[in-house]
Amino acid sequence: MHSATAKQLAELIQKRREQWAGQQTELPGMNDFEDYEQELHKLVMLLECELVQEKLSRYDVAAEEITVEKKPIEKVVVLLRPT
């Protein structure tokens, strides 16, 4: 995956795994876990938005004319993704 968000997510996970591996004798603090969970959630939601946007962009239409209910409509652009 070539998404910047996917890269950030992978880096966050790797960084935290390395941090926690060095803390085998002590438990991470709650603030550490809470910060991790919030950042993880934010990145997962951003990645989901990117993937949904990518899928919806396949349904975009740009045509000189389409027919809707047997009526021609000229110069059509339909975007099913946020602009």
C-alpha atoms as a PDB file:
ATOM      1  CA  MET A   1       0.000   0.000   0.000  1.00  0.00           C
ATOM      2  CA  HIS A   2       1.408   3.375  -0.989  1.00  0.00           C
ATOM      3  CA  SER A   3      -0.704   5.537   1.300  1.00  0.00           C
ATOM      4  CA  ALA A   4       1.044   8.063   3.537  1.00  0.00           C
ATOM      5  CA  THR A   5      -1.469   7.183   6.257  1.00  0.00           C
ATOM      6  CA  ALA A   6      -0.699   3.465   5.947  1.00  0.00           C
ATOM      7  CA  LYS A   7       2.994   4.284   6.294  1.00  0.00           C
ATOM      8  CA  GLN A   8       2.328   6.413   9.402  1.00  0.00           C
ATOM      9  CA  LEU A   9       0.234   3.603  10.885  1.00  0.00           C
ATOM     10  CA  ALA A  10       2.968   1.021  10.297  1.00  0.00           C
ATOM     11  CA  GLU A  11       5.578   3.367  11.789  1.00  0.00           C
ATOM     12  CA  LEU A  12       3.443   4.017  14.885  1.00  0.00           C
ATOM     13  CA  ILE A  13       2.935   0.305  15.486  1.00  0.00           C
ATOM     14  CA  GLN A  14       6.616  -0.498  14.986  1.00  0.00           C
ATOM     15  CA  LYS A  15       7.740   2.360  17.242  1.00  0.00           C
ATOM     16  CA  ARG A  16       5.401   1.287  20.051  1.00  0.00           C
ATOM     17  CA  ARG A  17       6.417  -2.369  19.743  1.00  0.00           C
ATOM     18  CA  GLU A  18      10.060  -1.353  20.096  1.00  0.00           C
ATOM     19  CA  GLN A  19       9.275   0.863  23.089  1.00  0.00           C
ATOM     20  CA  TRP A  20       7.287  -1.855  24.824  1.00  0.00           C
ATOM     21  CA  ALA A  21       9.915  -4.519  24.086  1.00  0.00           C
ATOM     22  CA  GLY A  22      12.385  -2.455  26.107  1.00  0.00           C
ATOM     23  CA  GLN A  23       9.929  -2.233  29.031  1.00  0.00           C
ATOM     24  CA  GLN A  24       9.521  -5.940  29.760  1.00  0.00           C
ATOM     25  CA  THR A  25      10.141  -5.455  33.481  1.00  0.00           C
ATOM     26  CA  GLU A  26       7.648  -2.635  33.902  1.00  0.00           C
ATOM     27  CA  LEU A  27       4.180  -1.974  32.595  1.00  0.00           C
ATOM     28  CA  PRO A  28       3.612   1.053  30.366  1.00  0.00           C
ATOM     29  CA  GLY A  29       1.631   3.818  32.049  1.00  0.00           C
ATOM     30  CA  MET A  30      -2.044   4.416  31.295  1.00  0.00           C
ATOM     31  CA  ASN A  31      -1.257   7.725  29.591  1.00  0.00           C
ATOM     32  CA  ASP A  32       1.076   5.870  27.248  1.00  0.00           C
ATOM     33  CA  PHE A  33      -1.656   3.376  26.372  1.00  0.00           C
ATOM     34  CA  GLU A  34      -4.306   6.076  26.008  1.00  0.00           C
ATOM     35  CA  ASP A  35      -2.101   8.153  23.707  1.00  0.00           C
ATOM     36  CA  TYR A  36      -1.319   5.079  21.613  1.00  0.00           C
ATOM     37  CA  GLU A  37      -4.983   4.079  21.359  1.00  0.00           C
ATOM     38  CA  GLN A  38      -6.047   7.581  20.302  1.00  0.00           C
ATOM     39  CA  GLU A  39      -3.326   7.880  17.647  1.00  0.00           C
ATOM     40  CA  LEU A  40      -4.026   4.348  16.417  1.00  0.00           C
ATOM     41  CA  HIS A  41      -7.756   5.096  16.131  1.00  0.00           C
ATOM     42  CA  LYS A  42      -7.137   8.359  14.263  1.00  0.00           C
ATOM     43  CA  LEU A  43      -4.849   6.698  11.713  1.00  0.00           C
ATOM     44  CA  VAL A  44      -7.131   3.690  11.197  1.00  0.00           C
ATOM     45  CA  MET A  45     -10.082   6.016  10.533  1.00  0.00           C
ATOM     46  CA  LEU A  46      -8.024   8.106   8.078  1.00  0.00           C
ATOM     47  CA  LEU A  47      -6.918   4.956   6.280  1.00  0.00           C
ATOM     48  CA  GLU A  48     -10.520   3.757   6.065  1.00  0.00           C
ATOM     49  CA  CYS A  49     -11.550   7.105   4.523  1.00  0.00           C
ATOM     50  CA  GLU A  50      -8.754   6.866   1.949  1.00  0.00           C
ATOM     51  CA  LEU A  51      -9.730   3.321   0.975  1.00  0.00           C
ATOM     52  CA  VAL A  52     -13.433   4.165   0.684  1.00  0.00           C
ATOM     53  CA  GLN A  53     -12.608   7.267  -1.365  1.00  0.00           C
ATOM     54  CA  GLU A  54     -10.424   5.171  -3.671  1.00  0.00           C
ATOM     55  CA  LYS A  55     -13.256   2.683  -4.189  1.00  0.00           C
ATOM     56  CA  LEU A  56     -15.895   5.380  -4.760  1.00  0.00           C
ATOM     57  CA  SER A  57     -13.709   7.184  -7.283  1.00  0.00           C
ATOM     58  CA  ARG A  58     -14.180   4.194  -9.586  1.00  0.00           C
ATOM     59  CA  TYR A  59     -17.828   5.174  -9.902  1.00  0.00           C
ATOM     60  CA  ASP A  60     -17.097   8.743 -11.026  1.00  0.00           C
ATOM     61  CA  VAL A  61     -18.614   9.568 -14.406  1.00  0.00           C
ATOM     62  CA  ALA A  62     -17.475  12.106 -16.977  1.00  0.00           C
ATOM     63  CA  ALA A  63     -19.353  11.982 -20.275  1.00  0.00           C
ATOM     64  CA  GLU A  64     -20.593  14.257 -23.034  1.00  0.00           C
ATOM     65  CA  GLU A  65     -24.100  12.849 -22.613  1.00  0.00           C
ATOM     66  CA  ILE A  66     -26.000  10.325 -20.505  1.00  0.00           C
ATOM     67  CA  THR A  67     -29.635   9.251 -20.522  1.00  0.00           C
ATOM     68  CA  VAL A  68     -31.744   9.498 -17.382  1.00  0.00           C
ATOM     69  CA  GLU A  69     -35.349   8.307 -17.561  1.00  0.00           C
ATOM     70  CA  LYS A  70     -35.144   8.362 -21.361  1.00  0.00           C
ATOM     71  CA  LYS A  71     -34.022  12.018 -21.382  1.00  0.00           C
ATOM     72  CA  PRO A  72     -30.546  12.963 -22.615  1.00  0.00           C
ATOM     73  CA  ILE A  73     -28.426  15.072 -20.294  1.00  0.00           C
ATOM     74  CA  GLU A  74     -25.349  16.727 -21.796  1.00  0.00           C
ATOM     75  CA  LYS A  75     -21.879  17.412 -20.393  1.00  0.00           C
ATOM     76  CA  VAL A  76     -22.172  15.374 -17.243  1.00  0.00           C
ATOM     77  CA  VAL A  77     -19.698  15.079 -14.417  1.00  0.00           C
ATOM     78  CA  VAL A  78     -20.757  13.036 -11.397  1.00  0.00           C
ATOM     79  CA  LEU A  79     -18.389  12.638  -8.459  1.00  0.00           C
ATOM     80  CA  LEU A  80     -19.264  10.197  -5.718  1.00  0.00           C
ATOM     81  CA  ARG A  81     -16.402  11.279  -3.479  1.00  0.00           C
ATOM     82  CA  PRO A  82     -15.810  14.370  -1.392  1.00  0.00           C
ATOM     83  CA  THR A  83     -14.046  17.196  -3.209  1.00  0.00           C
END
